[in-house]
Amino acid sequence: MIYVIDSLNNHAYQPLLDDMYRLRARVFHDRLGWDVVVKDGMEIDLFDAMDPAHIVSVDDQGHVVGCMRLLQTTGPHMLADVFSSILDGEPPLRSSTVWEATRFCVDTNRLSNGRGRNTISYVTSEVMIGAFEYAMAAGVTDAVAVIDPVMNRVLQRGGNGAYGYLGSPKDMGKVVAMAALMDCSEERIQSVRDYAGIHHDVFAQQTGLLAAE
C-alpha cells in the first residue's frame, strides 16, 4: 500500500521516512555507487528539506519496499540545480502545475521478479499510480523526471512512457541521464493499472495530506 508523507504529516510517519532513507542508501549508494551522502545508514539530501511529498510503498509486513520524491519546480529542484547541463542552456521549468519526480527506487532484496504482488514490477507500478493520483489531486498537470535509458525502457514497458524530453541526454558519471516529461492524466494512470493488474485503491488511510488541504 501507498503512504504519502509530506510537510503536514511527516511528524506522524518518521519511522517510515527513516526506513525510506535507509532504502535509498542501500540502492543509490551501496548498489548503484552514486556519489550521495549517507549518514547513520540513511541517504538524505538538501532537497529533502524543501517540503517534498514522498510516495512510499509498504509491504504487508510494514517494510518500505519502494519510494519516489515529488517536488515543486517553482523553487530549487534537481533538474535546475544539479542536472542543468541536460537542458542545453534552456531555462528550467518553473510552474506550480509541474512537479519533479526523483529518488525513485524499489527494494530488489525483498521483492522478486515476475508479476503479481511483492514483485519489482508491481511495486514500481504501485508507486507510479500513487504519485500520479496524488499529483492530480493537488492540481498538477505534468511531471518531469531525470532518468537513465534503462528506466526509460521500464516506463515504456509499463504503459508509462514519456511523451517528450527536455534538452538532450548527457553522460552523468557511469550512466546517461535524460529529462523525461509525463502528463498526470487519468489515461496514463489507467494504462499503468492495466499493465500491472492493479484495480483497487492503492492508498493507506491517512489524514493531514497536503493535497487534501
N, C-alpha and C. Protein backbone atom coordinates (compact mmCIF):
# COMPACT_ATOMS: atom_id res chain seq x y z
N MET A 1 0.84 -1.19 0.00
CA MET A 1 0.00 0.00 0.00
C MET A 1 0.87 1.24 0.00
N ILE A 2 0.26 2.37 -0.39
CA ILE A 2 0.99 3.62 -0.54
C ILE A 2 0.68 4.58 0.60
N TYR A 3 1.73 5.12 1.19
CA TYR A 3 1.63 6.24 2.13
C TYR A 3 2.20 7.48 1.44
N VAL A 4 1.52 8.60 1.59
CA VAL A 4 2.04 9.88 1.12
C VAL A 4 2.47 10.66 2.35
N ILE A 5 3.74 11.00 2.41
CA ILE A 5 4.29 11.69 3.58
C ILE A 5 4.79 13.05 3.12
N ASP A 6 4.16 14.12 3.64
CA ASP A 6 4.53 15.47 3.24
C ASP A 6 4.76 16.33 4.47
N SER A 7 4.86 17.65 4.27
CA SER A 7 5.22 18.54 5.37
C SER A 7 4.15 18.62 6.45
N LEU A 8 2.91 18.23 6.13
CA LEU A 8 1.83 18.31 7.10
C LEU A 8 1.71 17.07 7.98
N ASN A 9 2.24 15.96 7.54
CA ASN A 9 2.06 14.74 8.34
C ASN A 9 3.35 14.00 8.64
N ASN A 10 4.51 14.56 8.26
CA ASN A 10 5.74 13.79 8.42
C ASN A 10 6.06 13.48 9.88
N HIS A 11 5.54 14.30 10.81
CA HIS A 11 5.78 14.03 12.23
C HIS A 11 5.16 12.71 12.67
N ALA A 12 4.12 12.28 11.95
CA ALA A 12 3.42 11.04 12.33
C ALA A 12 4.02 9.80 11.67
N TYR A 13 4.94 10.01 10.74
CA TYR A 13 5.46 8.88 9.96
C TYR A 13 6.99 8.85 9.92
N GLN A 14 7.63 9.34 10.99
CA GLN A 14 9.09 9.38 10.99
C GLN A 14 9.72 8.00 10.83
N PRO A 15 9.19 6.94 11.48
CA PRO A 15 9.79 5.62 11.27
C PRO A 15 9.75 5.17 9.81
N LEU A 16 8.65 5.46 9.09
CA LEU A 16 8.58 5.11 7.67
C LEU A 16 9.57 5.93 6.87
N LEU A 17 9.70 7.22 7.20
CA LEU A 17 10.67 8.07 6.50
C LEU A 17 12.09 7.54 6.70
N ASP A 18 12.42 7.18 7.93
CA ASP A 18 13.77 6.66 8.19
C ASP A 18 14.01 5.36 7.41
N ASP A 19 13.00 4.49 7.35
CA ASP A 19 13.11 3.25 6.59
C ASP A 19 13.30 3.57 5.11
N MET A 20 12.59 4.59 4.62
CA MET A 20 12.74 5.01 3.22
C MET A 20 14.14 5.53 2.94
N TYR A 21 14.67 6.35 3.84
CA TYR A 21 16.03 6.88 3.67
C TYR A 21 17.07 5.76 3.69
N ARG A 22 16.82 4.73 4.51
CA ARG A 22 17.75 3.59 4.54
C ARG A 22 17.67 2.80 3.23
N LEU A 23 16.46 2.66 2.68
CA LEU A 23 16.33 2.00 1.38
C LEU A 23 17.09 2.79 0.32
N ARG A 24 16.94 4.11 0.32
CA ARG A 24 17.66 4.93 -0.65
C ARG A 24 19.17 4.76 -0.52
N ALA A 25 19.68 4.65 0.69
CA ALA A 25 21.11 4.45 0.89
C ALA A 25 21.55 3.11 0.31
N ARG A 26 20.76 2.06 0.53
CA ARG A 26 21.12 0.74 0.01
C ARG A 26 21.10 0.71 -1.51
N VAL A 27 20.15 1.43 -2.09
CA VAL A 27 20.03 1.41 -3.55
C VAL A 27 21.04 2.35 -4.21
N PHE A 28 20.99 3.63 -3.85
CA PHE A 28 21.78 4.61 -4.59
C PHE A 28 23.26 4.60 -4.21
N HIS A 29 23.57 4.38 -2.94
CA HIS A 29 24.97 4.36 -2.52
C HIS A 29 25.58 2.97 -2.65
N ASP A 30 24.95 1.97 -2.03
CA ASP A 30 25.56 0.65 -1.97
C ASP A 30 25.49 -0.09 -3.30
N ARG A 31 24.30 -0.11 -3.94
CA ARG A 31 24.14 -0.92 -5.15
C ARG A 31 24.56 -0.18 -6.41
N LEU A 32 24.15 1.09 -6.54
CA LEU A 32 24.42 1.83 -7.78
C LEU A 32 25.71 2.64 -7.72
N GLY A 33 26.25 2.85 -6.52
CA GLY A 33 27.51 3.56 -6.40
C GLY A 33 27.44 5.04 -6.70
N TRP A 34 26.27 5.64 -6.51
CA TRP A 34 26.14 7.08 -6.74
C TRP A 34 26.94 7.86 -5.70
N ASP A 35 27.32 9.07 -6.06
CA ASP A 35 28.04 9.97 -5.17
C ASP A 35 27.02 10.72 -4.31
N VAL A 36 26.47 10.01 -3.33
CA VAL A 36 25.49 10.59 -2.42
C VAL A 36 26.01 10.49 -1.00
N VAL A 37 25.49 11.35 -0.14
CA VAL A 37 25.92 11.37 1.25
C VAL A 37 25.04 10.44 2.07
N VAL A 38 25.68 9.53 2.80
CA VAL A 38 24.96 8.61 3.68
C VAL A 38 25.44 8.86 5.11
N LYS A 39 24.50 9.09 6.00
CA LYS A 39 24.80 9.32 7.41
C LYS A 39 23.89 8.45 8.25
N ASP A 40 24.47 7.72 9.18
CA ASP A 40 23.71 6.81 10.04
C ASP A 40 22.88 5.83 9.21
N GLY A 41 23.43 5.42 8.06
CA GLY A 41 22.76 4.45 7.22
C GLY A 41 21.64 4.99 6.38
N MET A 42 21.47 6.33 6.33
CA MET A 42 20.37 6.95 5.60
C MET A 42 20.89 7.93 4.55
N GLU A 43 20.26 7.92 3.38
CA GLU A 43 20.61 8.86 2.30
C GLU A 43 19.60 9.99 2.30
N ILE A 44 20.05 11.18 2.69
CA ILE A 44 19.21 12.37 2.75
C ILE A 44 19.97 13.51 2.09
N ASP A 45 19.30 14.24 1.18
CA ASP A 45 19.98 15.36 0.53
C ASP A 45 19.26 16.66 0.83
N LEU A 46 19.78 17.77 0.28
CA LEU A 46 19.23 19.09 0.60
C LEU A 46 17.81 19.26 0.10
N PHE A 47 17.41 18.52 -0.94
CA PHE A 47 16.06 18.67 -1.47
C PHE A 47 15.01 18.02 -0.56
N ASP A 48 15.45 17.14 0.34
CA ASP A 48 14.52 16.56 1.31
C ASP A 48 14.09 17.58 2.36
N ALA A 49 14.81 18.70 2.45
CA ALA A 49 14.47 19.75 3.40
C ALA A 49 13.57 20.82 2.77
N MET A 50 13.11 20.60 1.55
CA MET A 50 12.33 21.60 0.83
C MET A 50 10.87 21.22 0.69
N ASP A 51 10.36 20.53 1.69
CA ASP A 51 8.95 20.16 1.78
C ASP A 51 8.45 19.36 0.58
N PRO A 52 9.16 18.31 0.19
CA PRO A 52 8.62 17.45 -0.87
C PRO A 52 7.52 16.55 -0.34
N ALA A 53 6.87 15.87 -1.23
CA ALA A 53 5.97 14.77 -0.86
C ALA A 53 6.67 13.47 -1.22
N HIS A 54 6.69 12.53 -0.30
CA HIS A 54 7.29 11.23 -0.53
C HIS A 54 6.18 10.20 -0.74
N ILE A 55 6.26 9.48 -1.85
CA ILE A 55 5.33 8.40 -2.14
C ILE A 55 6.02 7.11 -1.70
N VAL A 56 5.47 6.45 -0.69
CA VAL A 56 6.16 5.33 -0.04
C VAL A 56 5.30 4.07 -0.13
N SER A 57 5.85 3.02 -0.72
CA SER A 57 5.17 1.73 -0.80
C SER A 57 5.62 0.84 0.36
N VAL A 58 4.65 0.30 1.08
CA VAL A 58 4.91 -0.53 2.26
C VAL A 58 4.29 -1.90 2.04
N ASP A 59 5.04 -2.97 2.32
CA ASP A 59 4.51 -4.32 2.12
C ASP A 59 3.66 -4.75 3.32
N ASP A 60 3.14 -5.98 3.28
CA ASP A 60 2.23 -6.45 4.31
C ASP A 60 2.90 -6.60 5.67
N GLN A 61 4.22 -6.66 5.69
CA GLN A 61 4.96 -6.76 6.95
C GLN A 61 5.39 -5.40 7.49
N GLY A 62 5.03 -4.33 6.78
CA GLY A 62 5.35 -2.99 7.24
C GLY A 62 6.69 -2.47 6.78
N HIS A 63 7.35 -3.16 5.84
CA HIS A 63 8.65 -2.72 5.34
C HIS A 63 8.46 -1.79 4.14
N VAL A 64 9.27 -0.75 4.07
CA VAL A 64 9.27 0.11 2.90
C VAL A 64 9.95 -0.64 1.75
N VAL A 65 9.24 -0.79 0.64
CA VAL A 65 9.77 -1.55 -0.50
C VAL A 65 9.88 -0.70 -1.76
N GLY A 66 9.45 0.54 -1.70
CA GLY A 66 9.57 1.42 -2.86
C GLY A 66 9.27 2.85 -2.47
N CYS A 67 9.77 3.81 -3.26
CA CYS A 67 9.53 5.21 -2.93
C CYS A 67 9.82 6.11 -4.12
N MET A 68 9.29 7.31 -4.03
CA MET A 68 9.55 8.36 -5.00
C MET A 68 9.37 9.71 -4.30
N ARG A 69 10.13 10.71 -4.72
CA ARG A 69 10.01 12.05 -4.15
C ARG A 69 9.42 13.00 -5.18
N LEU A 70 8.43 13.77 -4.77
CA LEU A 70 7.82 14.78 -5.63
C LEU A 70 8.11 16.16 -5.07
N LEU A 71 8.59 17.05 -5.94
CA LEU A 71 8.98 18.39 -5.51
C LEU A 71 8.51 19.41 -6.53
N GLN A 72 7.96 20.53 -6.05
CA GLN A 72 7.53 21.58 -6.96
C GLN A 72 8.72 22.15 -7.72
N THR A 73 8.48 22.60 -8.94
CA THR A 73 9.56 23.16 -9.76
C THR A 73 9.66 24.68 -9.63
N THR A 74 8.81 25.28 -8.79
CA THR A 74 8.87 26.74 -8.62
C THR A 74 10.08 27.16 -7.82
N GLY A 75 10.66 26.25 -7.06
CA GLY A 75 11.86 26.54 -6.28
C GLY A 75 13.01 25.67 -6.72
N PRO A 76 14.03 25.52 -5.88
CA PRO A 76 15.15 24.64 -6.23
C PRO A 76 14.69 23.21 -6.46
N HIS A 77 15.24 22.59 -7.49
CA HIS A 77 14.98 21.18 -7.75
C HIS A 77 16.15 20.62 -8.54
N MET A 78 16.24 19.32 -8.66
CA MET A 78 17.44 18.68 -9.17
C MET A 78 17.73 19.02 -10.63
N LEU A 79 16.70 19.06 -11.48
CA LEU A 79 16.95 19.36 -12.88
C LEU A 79 17.51 20.76 -13.05
N ALA A 80 17.05 21.69 -12.24
CA ALA A 80 17.51 23.07 -12.33
C ALA A 80 18.89 23.26 -11.71
N ASP A 81 19.16 22.54 -10.62
CA ASP A 81 20.33 22.86 -9.81
C ASP A 81 21.41 21.80 -9.78
N VAL A 82 21.13 20.59 -10.27
CA VAL A 82 22.12 19.52 -10.28
C VAL A 82 22.37 19.02 -11.70
N PHE A 83 21.31 18.85 -12.48
CA PHE A 83 21.41 18.27 -13.82
C PHE A 83 21.12 19.30 -14.92
N SER A 84 21.43 20.55 -14.67
CA SER A 84 21.05 21.61 -15.62
C SER A 84 21.73 21.47 -16.98
N SER A 85 22.84 20.75 -17.05
CA SER A 85 23.52 20.58 -18.34
C SER A 85 22.65 19.85 -19.35
N ILE A 86 21.70 19.04 -18.86
CA ILE A 86 20.78 18.33 -19.75
C ILE A 86 19.99 19.31 -20.60
N LEU A 87 19.71 20.50 -20.05
CA LEU A 87 18.81 21.45 -20.69
C LEU A 87 19.44 22.22 -21.85
N ASP A 88 20.73 22.03 -22.09
CA ASP A 88 21.41 22.67 -23.23
C ASP A 88 21.24 24.19 -23.24
N GLY A 89 21.32 24.78 -22.05
CA GLY A 89 21.25 26.23 -21.95
C GLY A 89 19.86 26.81 -21.84
N GLU A 90 18.85 25.98 -22.04
CA GLU A 90 17.46 26.46 -21.90
C GLU A 90 17.12 26.62 -20.41
N PRO A 91 16.23 27.55 -20.07
CA PRO A 91 15.86 27.73 -18.66
C PRO A 91 15.09 26.52 -18.15
N PRO A 92 15.20 26.21 -16.86
CA PRO A 92 14.46 25.08 -16.31
C PRO A 92 12.97 25.38 -16.22
N LEU A 93 12.18 24.33 -16.13
CA LEU A 93 10.74 24.51 -15.93
C LEU A 93 10.48 25.18 -14.59
N ARG A 94 9.55 26.13 -14.59
CA ARG A 94 9.13 26.78 -13.36
C ARG A 94 7.62 26.91 -13.41
N SER A 95 6.92 26.01 -12.78
CA SER A 95 5.47 26.04 -12.82
C SER A 95 4.90 25.34 -11.60
N SER A 96 3.85 25.93 -11.03
CA SER A 96 3.19 25.30 -9.89
C SER A 96 2.43 24.05 -10.29
N THR A 97 2.21 23.85 -11.58
CA THR A 97 1.48 22.66 -12.05
C THR A 97 2.41 21.60 -12.64
N VAL A 98 3.72 21.80 -12.50
CA VAL A 98 4.70 20.80 -12.93
C VAL A 98 5.56 20.42 -11.73
N TRP A 99 5.56 19.16 -11.38
CA TRP A 99 6.39 18.68 -10.28
C TRP A 99 7.52 17.83 -10.81
N GLU A 100 8.61 17.80 -10.05
CA GLU A 100 9.74 16.94 -10.39
C GLU A 100 9.67 15.65 -9.58
N ALA A 101 9.86 14.53 -10.26
CA ALA A 101 9.88 13.22 -9.61
C ALA A 101 11.32 12.72 -9.55
N THR A 102 11.82 12.44 -8.35
CA THR A 102 13.19 11.97 -8.19
C THR A 102 13.24 10.88 -7.13
N ARG A 103 14.44 10.33 -6.95
CA ARG A 103 14.73 9.33 -5.92
C ARG A 103 13.76 8.14 -5.95
N PHE A 104 13.38 7.75 -7.16
CA PHE A 104 12.57 6.53 -7.28
C PHE A 104 13.47 5.31 -7.08
N CYS A 105 13.02 4.39 -6.25
CA CYS A 105 13.75 3.13 -6.11
C CYS A 105 12.83 2.08 -5.51
N VAL A 106 13.20 0.82 -5.69
CA VAL A 106 12.49 -0.31 -5.09
C VAL A 106 13.51 -1.22 -4.43
N ASP A 107 13.03 -2.01 -3.47
CA ASP A 107 13.91 -2.91 -2.71
C ASP A 107 14.02 -4.25 -3.44
N THR A 108 15.07 -4.40 -4.22
CA THR A 108 15.24 -5.63 -5.00
C THR A 108 15.62 -6.83 -4.13
N ASN A 109 15.99 -6.58 -2.86
CA ASN A 109 16.28 -7.70 -1.96
C ASN A 109 15.00 -8.32 -1.42
N ARG A 110 14.00 -7.51 -1.15
CA ARG A 110 12.75 -8.03 -0.61
C ARG A 110 11.77 -8.44 -1.70
N LEU A 111 11.92 -7.85 -2.88
CA LEU A 111 10.96 -8.09 -3.96
C LEU A 111 11.53 -9.08 -4.97
N SER A 112 10.66 -9.85 -5.60
CA SER A 112 11.08 -10.83 -6.60
C SER A 112 10.82 -10.30 -8.00
N ASN A 113 11.29 -11.02 -8.98
CA ASN A 113 10.98 -10.70 -10.37
C ASN A 113 9.62 -11.29 -10.72
N GLY A 114 9.17 -11.04 -11.95
CA GLY A 114 7.89 -11.57 -12.39
C GLY A 114 6.77 -10.58 -12.19
N ARG A 115 5.54 -11.09 -12.11
CA ARG A 115 4.36 -10.27 -11.96
C ARG A 115 3.63 -10.64 -10.68
N GLY A 116 2.70 -9.80 -10.26
CA GLY A 116 1.95 -10.06 -9.05
C GLY A 116 2.52 -9.31 -7.86
N ARG A 117 1.83 -9.40 -6.72
CA ARG A 117 2.25 -8.68 -5.52
C ARG A 117 3.65 -9.12 -5.08
N ASN A 118 4.30 -8.20 -4.38
CA ASN A 118 5.64 -8.44 -3.85
C ASN A 118 6.66 -8.68 -4.96
N THR A 119 6.44 -8.06 -6.11
CA THR A 119 7.42 -8.11 -7.19
C THR A 119 7.89 -6.69 -7.51
N ILE A 120 9.04 -6.61 -8.16
CA ILE A 120 9.60 -5.31 -8.56
C ILE A 120 8.63 -4.59 -9.49
N SER A 121 8.05 -5.33 -10.44
CA SER A 121 7.13 -4.74 -11.40
C SER A 121 5.90 -4.16 -10.72
N TYR A 122 5.33 -4.93 -9.79
CA TYR A 122 4.11 -4.49 -9.10
C TYR A 122 4.36 -3.22 -8.29
N VAL A 123 5.43 -3.23 -7.49
CA VAL A 123 5.71 -2.08 -6.63
C VAL A 123 6.06 -0.85 -7.47
N THR A 124 6.79 -1.05 -8.56
CA THR A 124 7.08 0.07 -9.47
C THR A 124 5.78 0.70 -9.94
N SER A 125 4.84 -0.11 -10.39
CA SER A 125 3.56 0.41 -10.87
C SER A 125 2.76 1.05 -9.75
N GLU A 126 2.78 0.44 -8.57
CA GLU A 126 2.03 0.98 -7.43
C GLU A 126 2.54 2.37 -7.05
N VAL A 127 3.86 2.55 -7.03
CA VAL A 127 4.43 3.86 -6.71
C VAL A 127 4.03 4.89 -7.78
N MET A 128 4.07 4.48 -9.05
CA MET A 128 3.70 5.39 -10.12
C MET A 128 2.23 5.80 -10.02
N ILE A 129 1.36 4.84 -9.77
CA ILE A 129 -0.07 5.13 -9.62
C ILE A 129 -0.28 6.10 -8.45
N GLY A 130 0.33 5.81 -7.32
CA GLY A 130 0.21 6.69 -6.16
C GLY A 130 0.70 8.09 -6.44
N ALA A 131 1.83 8.20 -7.13
CA ALA A 131 2.40 9.51 -7.43
C ALA A 131 1.50 10.32 -8.35
N PHE A 132 1.02 9.70 -9.42
CA PHE A 132 0.19 10.43 -10.37
C PHE A 132 -1.18 10.78 -9.78
N GLU A 133 -1.78 9.88 -9.01
CA GLU A 133 -3.08 10.19 -8.43
C GLU A 133 -2.97 11.29 -7.39
N TYR A 134 -1.93 11.24 -6.57
CA TYR A 134 -1.70 12.30 -5.59
C TYR A 134 -1.44 13.63 -6.27
N ALA A 135 -0.61 13.62 -7.31
CA ALA A 135 -0.30 14.86 -8.03
C ALA A 135 -1.54 15.46 -8.68
N MET A 136 -2.35 14.62 -9.30
CA MET A 136 -3.58 15.12 -9.93
C MET A 136 -4.49 15.76 -8.90
N ALA A 137 -4.60 15.16 -7.71
CA ALA A 137 -5.44 15.73 -6.65
C ALA A 137 -4.93 17.09 -6.20
N ALA A 138 -3.63 17.34 -6.37
CA ALA A 138 -3.03 18.62 -6.00
C ALA A 138 -3.06 19.64 -7.14
N GLY A 139 -3.66 19.27 -8.28
CA GLY A 139 -3.76 20.19 -9.40
C GLY A 139 -2.57 20.18 -10.33
N VAL A 140 -1.73 19.16 -10.22
CA VAL A 140 -0.54 19.06 -11.07
C VAL A 140 -0.93 18.44 -12.42
N THR A 141 -0.39 18.99 -13.49
CA THR A 141 -0.72 18.50 -14.83
C THR A 141 0.39 17.67 -15.45
N ASP A 142 1.64 17.90 -15.04
CA ASP A 142 2.78 17.21 -15.65
C ASP A 142 3.86 16.95 -14.62
N ALA A 143 4.69 15.96 -14.91
CA ALA A 143 5.84 15.65 -14.08
C ALA A 143 7.07 15.56 -14.96
N VAL A 144 8.21 15.96 -14.42
CA VAL A 144 9.48 15.82 -15.12
C VAL A 144 10.40 14.97 -14.24
N ALA A 145 11.12 14.06 -14.87
CA ALA A 145 11.98 13.15 -14.12
C ALA A 145 13.30 12.98 -14.86
N VAL A 146 14.40 13.03 -14.13
CA VAL A 146 15.71 12.71 -14.70
C VAL A 146 15.91 11.21 -14.57
N ILE A 147 16.00 10.53 -15.70
CA ILE A 147 16.09 9.08 -15.72
C ILE A 147 17.22 8.63 -16.63
N ASP A 148 17.56 7.35 -16.57
CA ASP A 148 18.55 6.79 -17.49
C ASP A 148 17.83 5.95 -18.54
N PRO A 149 18.53 5.51 -19.59
CA PRO A 149 17.87 4.75 -20.65
C PRO A 149 17.20 3.47 -20.16
N VAL A 150 17.75 2.82 -19.13
CA VAL A 150 17.14 1.60 -18.60
C VAL A 150 15.78 1.92 -18.00
N MET A 151 15.72 2.97 -17.17
CA MET A 151 14.45 3.36 -16.58
C MET A 151 13.48 3.83 -17.64
N ASN A 152 13.99 4.47 -18.67
CA ASN A 152 13.13 4.91 -19.77
C ASN A 152 12.41 3.72 -20.40
N ARG A 153 13.14 2.62 -20.59
CA ARG A 153 12.53 1.41 -21.16
C ARG A 153 11.55 0.77 -20.19
N VAL A 154 11.87 0.79 -18.90
CA VAL A 154 10.95 0.26 -17.89
C VAL A 154 9.63 1.01 -17.93
N LEU A 155 9.70 2.32 -18.01
CA LEU A 155 8.49 3.14 -18.07
C LEU A 155 7.68 2.84 -19.33
N GLN A 156 8.36 2.71 -20.43
CA GLN A 156 7.66 2.41 -21.68
C GLN A 156 6.95 1.07 -21.62
N ARG A 157 7.62 0.05 -21.08
CA ARG A 157 7.01 -1.28 -20.97
C ARG A 157 5.80 -1.27 -20.04
N GLY A 158 5.84 -0.41 -19.03
CA GLY A 158 4.78 -0.38 -18.04
C GLY A 158 3.63 0.55 -18.39
N GLY A 159 3.54 0.97 -19.65
CA GLY A 159 2.47 1.87 -20.06
C GLY A 159 2.61 3.27 -19.53
N ASN A 160 3.84 3.66 -19.21
CA ASN A 160 4.09 4.93 -18.54
C ASN A 160 5.22 5.70 -19.21
N GLY A 161 5.34 5.54 -20.53
CA GLY A 161 6.44 6.18 -21.25
C GLY A 161 6.29 7.68 -21.32
N ALA A 162 7.41 8.36 -21.46
CA ALA A 162 7.42 9.82 -21.57
C ALA A 162 6.74 10.26 -22.87
N TYR A 163 6.09 11.42 -22.82
CA TYR A 163 5.54 11.99 -24.05
C TYR A 163 6.52 12.95 -24.71
N GLY A 164 7.61 13.27 -24.02
CA GLY A 164 8.63 14.15 -24.59
C GLY A 164 9.82 14.25 -23.66
N TYR A 165 10.86 14.92 -24.14
CA TYR A 165 12.10 15.06 -23.37
C TYR A 165 12.58 16.50 -23.46
N LEU A 166 13.25 16.95 -22.41
CA LEU A 166 13.85 18.27 -22.39
C LEU A 166 15.34 18.16 -22.69
N GLY A 167 15.88 19.11 -23.47
CA GLY A 167 17.31 19.11 -23.75
C GLY A 167 17.75 17.85 -24.47
N SER A 168 18.89 17.33 -24.05
CA SER A 168 19.43 16.13 -24.68
C SER A 168 20.15 15.27 -23.64
N PRO A 169 20.24 13.96 -23.87
CA PRO A 169 20.90 13.07 -22.90
C PRO A 169 22.36 13.47 -22.68
N LYS A 170 22.80 13.31 -21.44
CA LYS A 170 24.17 13.67 -21.08
C LYS A 170 24.77 12.56 -20.22
N ASP A 171 26.07 12.36 -20.36
CA ASP A 171 26.78 11.42 -19.51
C ASP A 171 26.87 12.01 -18.10
N MET A 172 26.41 11.23 -17.13
CA MET A 172 26.47 11.64 -15.72
C MET A 172 27.14 10.51 -14.94
N GLY A 173 28.45 10.61 -14.80
CA GLY A 173 29.17 9.54 -14.13
C GLY A 173 29.12 8.26 -14.94
N LYS A 174 28.55 7.21 -14.37
CA LYS A 174 28.51 5.91 -15.02
C LYS A 174 27.28 5.71 -15.90
N VAL A 175 26.35 6.66 -15.89
CA VAL A 175 25.11 6.49 -16.64
C VAL A 175 24.85 7.69 -17.54
N VAL A 176 23.91 7.50 -18.47
CA VAL A 176 23.40 8.58 -19.30
C VAL A 176 22.10 9.07 -18.67
N ALA A 177 21.95 10.38 -18.55
CA ALA A 177 20.77 10.95 -17.93
C ALA A 177 19.97 11.75 -18.95
N MET A 178 18.64 11.65 -18.86
CA MET A 178 17.74 12.40 -19.72
C MET A 178 16.57 12.91 -18.89
N ALA A 179 15.98 14.01 -19.35
CA ALA A 179 14.85 14.61 -18.64
C ALA A 179 13.56 14.26 -19.36
N ALA A 180 12.75 13.43 -18.74
CA ALA A 180 11.53 12.91 -19.35
C ALA A 180 10.31 13.66 -18.84
N LEU A 181 9.35 13.90 -19.73
CA LEU A 181 8.10 14.56 -19.38
C LEU A 181 6.95 13.55 -19.42
N MET A 182 6.12 13.59 -18.38
CA MET A 182 4.96 12.70 -18.31
C MET A 182 3.75 13.50 -17.85
N ASP A 183 2.62 13.32 -18.53
CA ASP A 183 1.40 14.01 -18.13
C ASP A 183 0.75 13.28 -16.96
N CYS A 184 0.20 14.05 -16.03
CA CYS A 184 -0.57 13.48 -14.94
C CYS A 184 -2.02 13.40 -15.41
N SER A 185 -2.43 12.26 -15.90
CA SER A 185 -3.75 12.14 -16.52
C SER A 185 -4.39 10.81 -16.14
N GLU A 186 -5.72 10.78 -16.24
CA GLU A 186 -6.45 9.54 -15.98
C GLU A 186 -6.03 8.44 -16.97
N GLU A 187 -5.75 8.84 -18.21
CA GLU A 187 -5.37 7.86 -19.23
C GLU A 187 -4.04 7.19 -18.87
N ARG A 188 -3.09 7.96 -18.39
CA ARG A 188 -1.79 7.39 -18.01
C ARG A 188 -1.96 6.45 -16.81
N ILE A 189 -2.70 6.90 -15.83
CA ILE A 189 -2.91 6.07 -14.64
C ILE A 189 -3.59 4.76 -15.02
N GLN A 190 -4.60 4.83 -15.88
CA GLN A 190 -5.31 3.62 -16.29
C GLN A 190 -4.39 2.68 -17.06
N SER A 191 -3.49 3.25 -17.87
CA SER A 191 -2.55 2.43 -18.62
C SER A 191 -1.63 1.66 -17.68
N VAL A 192 -1.14 2.32 -16.63
CA VAL A 192 -0.28 1.66 -15.65
C VAL A 192 -1.07 0.60 -14.88
N ARG A 193 -2.29 0.95 -14.49
CA ARG A 193 -3.14 -0.01 -13.76
C ARG A 193 -3.40 -1.26 -14.61
N ASP A 194 -3.71 -1.06 -15.87
CA ASP A 194 -3.99 -2.20 -16.74
C ASP A 194 -2.77 -3.09 -16.90
N TYR A 195 -1.60 -2.48 -17.05
CA TYR A 195 -0.37 -3.25 -17.20
C TYR A 195 -0.10 -4.10 -15.96
N ALA A 196 -0.30 -3.49 -14.78
CA ALA A 196 0.05 -4.17 -13.53
C ALA A 196 -1.08 -5.01 -12.96
N GLY A 197 -2.29 -4.85 -13.49
CA GLY A 197 -3.42 -5.56 -12.93
C GLY A 197 -3.82 -5.02 -11.56
N ILE A 198 -3.57 -3.72 -11.35
CA ILE A 198 -3.92 -3.08 -10.08
C ILE A 198 -5.20 -2.28 -10.29
N HIS A 199 -6.31 -2.75 -9.72
CA HIS A 199 -7.59 -2.08 -9.93
C HIS A 199 -8.23 -1.60 -8.63
N HIS A 200 -7.50 -1.72 -7.53
CA HIS A 200 -8.00 -1.28 -6.23
C HIS A 200 -7.36 0.06 -5.84
N ASP A 201 -7.88 0.66 -4.79
CA ASP A 201 -7.29 1.88 -4.22
C ASP A 201 -5.95 1.52 -3.60
N VAL A 202 -4.88 2.19 -4.04
CA VAL A 202 -3.55 1.83 -3.57
C VAL A 202 -3.17 2.53 -2.26
N PHE A 203 -3.97 3.51 -1.83
CA PHE A 203 -3.57 4.34 -0.69
C PHE A 203 -4.00 3.76 0.65
N ALA A 204 -3.10 3.89 1.64
CA ALA A 204 -3.46 3.61 3.01
C ALA A 204 -4.36 4.74 3.52
N GLN A 205 -5.11 4.48 4.57
CA GLN A 205 -5.95 5.52 5.18
C GLN A 205 -5.06 6.48 5.96
N GLN A 206 -5.10 7.76 5.55
CA GLN A 206 -4.27 8.77 6.19
C GLN A 206 -5.06 10.05 6.37
N THR A 207 -4.51 10.94 7.20
CA THR A 207 -5.08 12.27 7.38
C THR A 207 -3.97 13.30 7.28
N GLY A 208 -4.36 14.55 7.01
CA GLY A 208 -3.40 15.65 7.01
C GLY A 208 -2.53 15.75 5.79
N LEU A 209 -2.99 15.24 4.64
CA LEU A 209 -2.18 15.31 3.43
C LEU A 209 -2.28 16.68 2.79
N LEU A 210 -1.17 17.12 2.20
CA LEU A 210 -1.09 18.44 1.58
C LEU A 210 -2.13 18.60 0.49
N ALA A 211 -2.33 17.57 -0.35
CA ALA A 211 -3.24 17.69 -1.48
C ALA A 211 -4.69 17.81 -1.02
N ALA A 212 -4.97 17.41 0.19
CA ALA A 212 -6.35 17.45 0.68
C ALA A 212 -6.69 18.77 1.36
N GLU A 213 -5.69 19.61 1.56
CA GLU A 213 -5.93 20.87 2.26
C GLU A 213 -6.58 21.89 1.33
